[in-house]
Amino acid sequence: QVQLVESGGGLVQPGGSLRLTCAASGSTSNIYAMAWYHQAPGEQRELVARIRSAGADKYYADSVKGRFSISKANVRNTAVHLEMNDLKPEDTAVYYCCAKMAGWGTEYWGQGTQVTVSS
């Protein structure tokens, strides 16, 4: 089992910045990637960014390329940051951290953190 705790959400004006952090605990040695998803009201959950535990391979959704950056927060690959810059009202959503496990493809999810972009 892996437990994930997200932090860093909040209310920000358009053009502002936020940094989200996700910390994993438990059986973390088999995590092969960590990712951030977002889900707006009435919408499906969508992948925002992903980073592999080994190497520097990263993925970004087209809507956030050039504005968001995902990075490892420690050398043990048990925490990640999501730097969000130039935030837009359409970025408003609950942001969820996901740990993807090697082998059977099991995924673990955090409880989510609300990001609201509004003037």
N, C-alpha and C. Protein backbone atom coordinates (compact mmCIF):
# COMPACT_ATOMS: atom_id res chain seq x y z
N GLN A 1 0.84 -1.19 0.00
CA GLN A 1 0.00 0.00 0.00
C GLN A 1 0.87 1.24 0.00
N VAL A 2 0.38 2.24 -0.71
CA VAL A 2 1.06 3.54 -0.76
C VAL A 2 0.05 4.60 -0.36
N GLN A 3 0.47 5.50 0.51
CA GLN A 3 -0.37 6.63 0.89
C GLN A 3 0.22 7.90 0.28
N LEU A 4 -0.66 8.74 -0.25
CA LEU A 4 -0.24 9.98 -0.90
C LEU A 4 -0.92 11.16 -0.22
N VAL A 5 -0.15 12.19 0.04
CA VAL A 5 -0.70 13.41 0.64
C VAL A 5 -0.31 14.59 -0.22
N GLU A 6 -1.31 15.32 -0.71
CA GLU A 6 -1.06 16.51 -1.53
C GLU A 6 -1.16 17.76 -0.66
N SER A 7 -0.43 18.78 -1.07
CA SER A 7 -0.52 20.08 -0.40
C SER A 7 -0.22 21.18 -1.39
N GLY A 8 -0.59 22.40 -1.05
CA GLY A 8 -0.22 23.55 -1.86
C GLY A 8 -1.32 24.18 -2.69
N GLY A 9 -2.51 23.61 -2.67
CA GLY A 9 -3.59 24.22 -3.43
C GLY A 9 -4.06 25.52 -2.80
N GLY A 10 -4.96 26.20 -3.49
CA GLY A 10 -5.51 27.43 -2.95
C GLY A 10 -6.13 28.30 -4.01
N LEU A 11 -6.37 29.54 -3.64
CA LEU A 11 -6.96 30.54 -4.54
C LEU A 11 -5.87 31.47 -5.04
N VAL A 12 -5.85 31.67 -6.35
CA VAL A 12 -4.84 32.54 -6.94
C VAL A 12 -5.48 33.33 -8.07
N GLN A 13 -4.96 34.52 -8.34
CA GLN A 13 -5.48 35.34 -9.43
C GLN A 13 -4.92 34.85 -10.76
N PRO A 14 -5.62 35.11 -11.85
CA PRO A 14 -5.08 34.76 -13.18
C PRO A 14 -3.69 35.35 -13.37
N GLY A 15 -2.80 34.54 -13.93
CA GLY A 15 -1.41 34.94 -14.12
C GLY A 15 -0.52 34.60 -12.95
N GLY A 16 -1.11 34.16 -11.86
CA GLY A 16 -0.35 33.82 -10.68
C GLY A 16 0.26 32.44 -10.73
N SER A 17 0.90 32.06 -9.62
CA SER A 17 1.61 30.79 -9.55
C SER A 17 1.25 30.05 -8.26
N LEU A 18 1.33 28.74 -8.34
CA LEU A 18 1.18 27.88 -7.17
C LEU A 18 2.15 26.71 -7.33
N ARG A 19 2.55 26.13 -6.21
CA ARG A 19 3.34 24.91 -6.24
C ARG A 19 2.62 23.85 -5.41
N LEU A 20 2.32 22.74 -6.08
CA LEU A 20 1.72 21.60 -5.40
C LEU A 20 2.82 20.60 -5.05
N THR A 21 2.65 19.93 -3.92
CA THR A 21 3.59 18.89 -3.51
C THR A 21 2.81 17.63 -3.18
N CYS A 22 3.36 16.49 -3.56
CA CYS A 22 2.77 15.20 -3.25
C CYS A 22 3.84 14.36 -2.58
N ALA A 23 3.53 13.85 -1.40
CA ALA A 23 4.47 13.00 -0.66
C ALA A 23 3.89 11.61 -0.51
N ALA A 24 4.70 10.61 -0.86
CA ALA A 24 4.27 9.21 -0.78
C ALA A 24 4.91 8.53 0.41
N SER A 25 4.17 7.62 1.03
CA SER A 25 4.71 6.81 2.12
C SER A 25 4.16 5.40 1.99
N GLY A 26 4.77 4.48 2.72
CA GLY A 26 4.34 3.08 2.65
C GLY A 26 5.30 2.30 1.76
N SER A 27 4.74 1.45 0.91
CA SER A 27 5.54 0.58 0.05
C SER A 27 5.92 1.32 -1.24
N THR A 28 6.86 2.24 -1.11
CA THR A 28 7.18 3.15 -2.21
C THR A 28 8.26 2.64 -3.15
N SER A 29 8.93 1.54 -2.83
CA SER A 29 10.08 1.11 -3.62
C SER A 29 9.70 0.67 -5.03
N ASN A 30 8.43 0.35 -5.25
CA ASN A 30 7.99 -0.14 -6.55
C ASN A 30 7.28 0.92 -7.39
N ILE A 31 7.37 2.18 -6.97
CA ILE A 31 6.76 3.25 -7.76
C ILE A 31 7.61 3.48 -9.00
N TYR A 32 7.01 3.42 -10.19
CA TYR A 32 7.80 3.67 -11.40
C TYR A 32 7.50 5.04 -12.00
N ALA A 33 6.42 5.66 -11.57
CA ALA A 33 6.11 7.01 -12.04
C ALA A 33 5.14 7.66 -11.07
N MET A 34 5.20 8.99 -11.01
CA MET A 34 4.21 9.75 -10.26
C MET A 34 3.62 10.79 -11.19
N ALA A 35 2.36 11.09 -10.98
CA ALA A 35 1.65 11.95 -11.93
C ALA A 35 0.67 12.86 -11.19
N TRP A 36 0.32 13.93 -11.87
CA TRP A 36 -0.74 14.83 -11.42
C TRP A 36 -1.88 14.79 -12.44
N TYR A 37 -3.08 14.67 -11.94
CA TYR A 37 -4.29 14.76 -12.74
C TYR A 37 -5.12 15.93 -12.21
N HIS A 38 -6.02 16.44 -13.05
CA HIS A 38 -6.99 17.39 -12.53
C HIS A 38 -8.39 17.02 -12.99
N GLN A 39 -9.36 17.46 -12.20
CA GLN A 39 -10.76 17.19 -12.51
C GLN A 39 -11.59 18.42 -12.17
N ALA A 40 -12.15 19.01 -13.20
CA ALA A 40 -13.04 20.16 -13.02
C ALA A 40 -14.47 19.64 -12.82
N PRO A 41 -15.34 20.45 -12.23
CA PRO A 41 -16.72 20.01 -12.01
C PRO A 41 -17.39 19.58 -13.30
N GLY A 42 -17.99 18.40 -13.28
CA GLY A 42 -18.69 17.89 -14.44
C GLY A 42 -17.80 17.34 -15.53
N GLU A 43 -16.50 17.32 -15.29
CA GLU A 43 -15.55 16.85 -16.31
C GLU A 43 -14.88 15.56 -15.84
N GLN A 44 -14.25 14.87 -16.80
CA GLN A 44 -13.48 13.68 -16.45
C GLN A 44 -12.12 14.06 -15.90
N ARG A 45 -11.56 13.17 -15.12
CA ARG A 45 -10.22 13.39 -14.61
C ARG A 45 -9.23 13.27 -15.76
N GLU A 46 -8.31 14.22 -15.86
CA GLU A 46 -7.36 14.26 -16.97
C GLU A 46 -5.92 14.31 -16.46
N LEU A 47 -5.03 13.66 -17.20
CA LEU A 47 -3.61 13.68 -16.88
C LEU A 47 -3.05 15.06 -17.20
N VAL A 48 -2.33 15.64 -16.25
CA VAL A 48 -1.69 16.95 -16.41
C VAL A 48 -0.20 16.78 -16.67
N ALA A 49 0.47 16.00 -15.83
CA ALA A 49 1.92 15.82 -15.97
C ALA A 49 2.32 14.52 -15.29
N ARG A 50 3.43 13.94 -15.78
CA ARG A 50 3.91 12.68 -15.23
C ARG A 50 5.42 12.68 -15.28
N ILE A 51 6.03 12.04 -14.28
CA ILE A 51 7.49 11.90 -14.26
C ILE A 51 7.84 10.49 -13.82
N ARG A 52 8.78 9.89 -14.52
CA ARG A 52 9.21 8.54 -14.17
C ARG A 52 10.21 8.58 -13.03
N SER A 53 10.23 7.53 -12.23
CA SER A 53 11.17 7.46 -11.11
C SER A 53 12.60 7.32 -11.61
N ALA A 54 12.79 6.56 -12.69
CA ALA A 54 14.12 6.38 -13.26
C ALA A 54 14.28 7.32 -14.44
N GLY A 55 15.40 8.00 -14.48
CA GLY A 55 15.64 8.90 -15.60
C GLY A 55 14.89 10.21 -15.47
N ALA A 56 14.78 10.93 -16.58
CA ALA A 56 14.20 12.27 -16.56
C ALA A 56 13.00 12.39 -17.49
N ASP A 57 12.40 11.27 -17.85
CA ASP A 57 11.29 11.29 -18.78
C ASP A 57 10.07 11.96 -18.15
N LYS A 58 9.55 12.99 -18.82
CA LYS A 58 8.39 13.72 -18.34
C LYS A 58 7.35 13.84 -19.45
N TYR A 59 6.10 13.94 -19.04
CA TYR A 59 4.98 14.15 -19.96
C TYR A 59 4.17 15.33 -19.46
N TYR A 60 3.69 16.16 -20.41
CA TYR A 60 2.79 17.26 -20.08
C TYR A 60 1.61 17.25 -21.04
N ALA A 61 0.44 17.55 -20.52
CA ALA A 61 -0.70 17.78 -21.39
C ALA A 61 -0.46 19.05 -22.20
N ASP A 62 -0.99 19.08 -23.40
CA ASP A 62 -0.79 20.25 -24.27
C ASP A 62 -1.24 21.54 -23.61
N SER A 63 -2.29 21.46 -22.83
CA SER A 63 -2.86 22.67 -22.22
C SER A 63 -1.96 23.32 -21.18
N VAL A 64 -0.95 22.58 -20.69
CA VAL A 64 -0.09 23.14 -19.63
C VAL A 64 1.35 23.26 -20.05
N LYS A 65 1.70 22.82 -21.26
CA LYS A 65 3.09 22.90 -21.71
C LYS A 65 3.58 24.34 -21.69
N GLY A 66 4.78 24.53 -21.15
CA GLY A 66 5.35 25.87 -21.06
C GLY A 66 4.92 26.64 -19.83
N ARG A 67 3.91 26.14 -19.12
CA ARG A 67 3.42 26.83 -17.92
C ARG A 67 3.64 26.00 -16.65
N PHE A 68 3.50 24.71 -16.75
CA PHE A 68 3.64 23.81 -15.60
C PHE A 68 4.93 23.03 -15.70
N SER A 69 5.48 22.67 -14.54
CA SER A 69 6.70 21.88 -14.50
C SER A 69 6.61 20.87 -13.36
N ILE A 70 6.86 19.59 -13.68
CA ILE A 70 6.85 18.55 -12.66
C ILE A 70 8.30 18.19 -12.35
N SER A 71 8.59 17.98 -11.08
CA SER A 71 9.96 17.64 -10.69
C SER A 71 9.94 16.75 -9.46
N LYS A 72 11.04 16.04 -9.26
CA LYS A 72 11.18 15.19 -8.09
C LYS A 72 11.58 16.07 -6.90
N ALA A 73 10.99 15.78 -5.76
CA ALA A 73 11.28 16.59 -4.58
C ALA A 73 12.35 15.96 -3.70
N ASN A 74 12.68 14.69 -3.95
CA ASN A 74 13.77 14.06 -3.20
C ASN A 74 14.40 12.94 -4.04
N VAL A 75 15.55 12.47 -3.60
CA VAL A 75 16.30 11.47 -4.38
C VAL A 75 15.69 10.08 -4.24
N ARG A 76 14.78 9.90 -3.27
CA ARG A 76 14.16 8.58 -3.08
C ARG A 76 12.93 8.40 -3.97
N ASN A 77 12.61 9.43 -4.79
CA ASN A 77 11.46 9.34 -5.71
C ASN A 77 10.16 9.11 -4.95
N THR A 78 10.05 9.70 -3.76
CA THR A 78 8.82 9.54 -2.99
C THR A 78 8.04 10.84 -2.86
N ALA A 79 8.47 11.87 -3.55
CA ALA A 79 7.74 13.13 -3.51
C ALA A 79 7.98 13.88 -4.81
N VAL A 80 6.95 14.59 -5.26
CA VAL A 80 7.07 15.38 -6.48
C VAL A 80 6.42 16.74 -6.26
N HIS A 81 6.92 17.72 -7.02
CA HIS A 81 6.32 19.04 -7.06
C HIS A 81 5.65 19.25 -8.40
N LEU A 82 4.64 20.08 -8.41
CA LEU A 82 4.07 20.58 -9.66
C LEU A 82 4.07 22.10 -9.56
N GLU A 83 4.99 22.73 -10.29
CA GLU A 83 5.05 24.18 -10.35
C GLU A 83 4.08 24.65 -11.42
N MET A 84 3.16 25.51 -11.04
CA MET A 84 2.13 25.99 -11.97
C MET A 84 2.27 27.50 -12.10
N ASN A 85 2.61 27.95 -13.28
CA ASN A 85 2.79 29.37 -13.55
C ASN A 85 1.77 29.86 -14.58
N ASP A 86 1.61 31.18 -14.63
CA ASP A 86 0.67 31.78 -15.58
C ASP A 86 -0.68 31.07 -15.52
N LEU A 87 -1.19 30.91 -14.34
CA LEU A 87 -2.44 30.17 -14.16
C LEU A 87 -3.62 30.88 -14.81
N LYS A 88 -4.51 30.09 -15.36
CA LYS A 88 -5.69 30.58 -16.06
C LYS A 88 -6.95 30.08 -15.36
N PRO A 89 -8.06 30.78 -15.53
CA PRO A 89 -9.31 30.30 -14.90
C PRO A 89 -9.64 28.86 -15.28
N GLU A 90 -9.28 28.45 -16.49
CA GLU A 90 -9.59 27.08 -16.91
C GLU A 90 -8.71 26.03 -16.22
N ASP A 91 -7.72 26.47 -15.45
CA ASP A 91 -6.92 25.52 -14.65
C ASP A 91 -7.63 25.18 -13.34
N THR A 92 -8.72 25.87 -13.05
CA THR A 92 -9.47 25.60 -11.83
C THR A 92 -9.97 24.16 -11.82
N ALA A 93 -9.61 23.43 -10.77
CA ALA A 93 -9.97 22.01 -10.67
C ALA A 93 -9.45 21.46 -9.35
N VAL A 94 -9.86 20.26 -9.05
CA VAL A 94 -9.21 19.50 -7.98
C VAL A 94 -8.04 18.76 -8.61
N TYR A 95 -6.88 18.89 -8.01
CA TYR A 95 -5.67 18.26 -8.52
C TYR A 95 -5.35 17.04 -7.65
N TYR A 96 -5.16 15.91 -8.33
CA TYR A 96 -4.91 14.64 -7.65
C TYR A 96 -3.51 14.13 -7.99
N CYS A 97 -2.82 13.64 -6.99
CA CYS A 97 -1.55 12.96 -7.20
C CYS A 97 -1.80 11.47 -7.36
N CYS A 98 -1.02 10.84 -8.23
CA CYS A 98 -1.17 9.42 -8.51
C CYS A 98 0.20 8.76 -8.53
N ALA A 99 0.34 7.65 -7.84
CA ALA A 99 1.56 6.84 -7.88
C ALA A 99 1.27 5.59 -8.71
N LYS A 100 2.07 5.41 -9.74
CA LYS A 100 1.89 4.26 -10.63
C LYS A 100 2.93 3.21 -10.29
N MET A 101 2.48 2.00 -10.04
CA MET A 101 3.36 0.94 -9.56
C MET A 101 3.80 0.04 -10.70
N ALA A 102 5.02 -0.43 -10.63
CA ALA A 102 5.52 -1.39 -11.60
C ALA A 102 4.83 -2.74 -11.41
N GLY A 103 4.85 -3.55 -12.44
CA GLY A 103 4.29 -4.89 -12.33
C GLY A 103 2.84 -4.93 -12.79
N TRP A 104 1.91 -4.95 -11.86
CA TRP A 104 0.50 -5.14 -12.21
C TRP A 104 -0.20 -3.86 -12.62
N GLY A 105 0.49 -2.71 -12.60
CA GLY A 105 -0.14 -1.47 -13.02
C GLY A 105 -1.05 -0.86 -11.98
N THR A 106 -0.88 -1.24 -10.74
CA THR A 106 -1.69 -0.66 -9.67
C THR A 106 -1.42 0.83 -9.55
N GLU A 107 -2.47 1.59 -9.26
CA GLU A 107 -2.35 3.02 -9.04
C GLU A 107 -2.89 3.38 -7.67
N TYR A 108 -2.23 4.31 -7.03
CA TYR A 108 -2.70 4.86 -5.76
C TYR A 108 -2.96 6.35 -5.94
N TRP A 109 -3.97 6.86 -5.26
CA TRP A 109 -4.41 8.25 -5.43
C TRP A 109 -4.43 8.99 -4.10
N GLY A 110 -4.10 10.28 -4.19
CA GLY A 110 -4.27 11.14 -3.04
C GLY A 110 -5.70 11.62 -2.92
N GLN A 111 -5.95 12.42 -1.91
CA GLN A 111 -7.31 12.89 -1.64
C GLN A 111 -7.70 14.09 -2.50
N GLY A 112 -6.71 14.71 -3.12
CA GLY A 112 -6.97 15.86 -3.97
C GLY A 112 -6.79 17.17 -3.24
N THR A 113 -6.40 18.18 -3.99
CA THR A 113 -6.27 19.54 -3.45
C THR A 113 -6.90 20.52 -4.45
N GLN A 114 -7.69 21.45 -3.94
CA GLN A 114 -8.42 22.37 -4.80
C GLN A 114 -7.52 23.51 -5.25
N VAL A 115 -7.54 23.78 -6.54
CA VAL A 115 -6.88 24.95 -7.12
C VAL A 115 -7.97 25.80 -7.78
N THR A 116 -8.08 27.04 -7.35
CA THR A 116 -9.06 27.96 -7.91
C THR A 116 -8.35 29.18 -8.45
N VAL A 117 -8.56 29.47 -9.73
CA VAL A 117 -7.95 30.63 -10.38
C VAL A 117 -9.07 31.61 -10.70
N SER A 118 -9.06 32.73 -9.98
CA SER A 118 -10.16 33.68 -10.13
C SER A 118 -9.72 35.05 -9.65
N SER A 119 -10.26 36.07 -10.30
CA SER A 119 -9.97 37.44 -9.85
C SER A 119 -11.05 37.92 -8.89
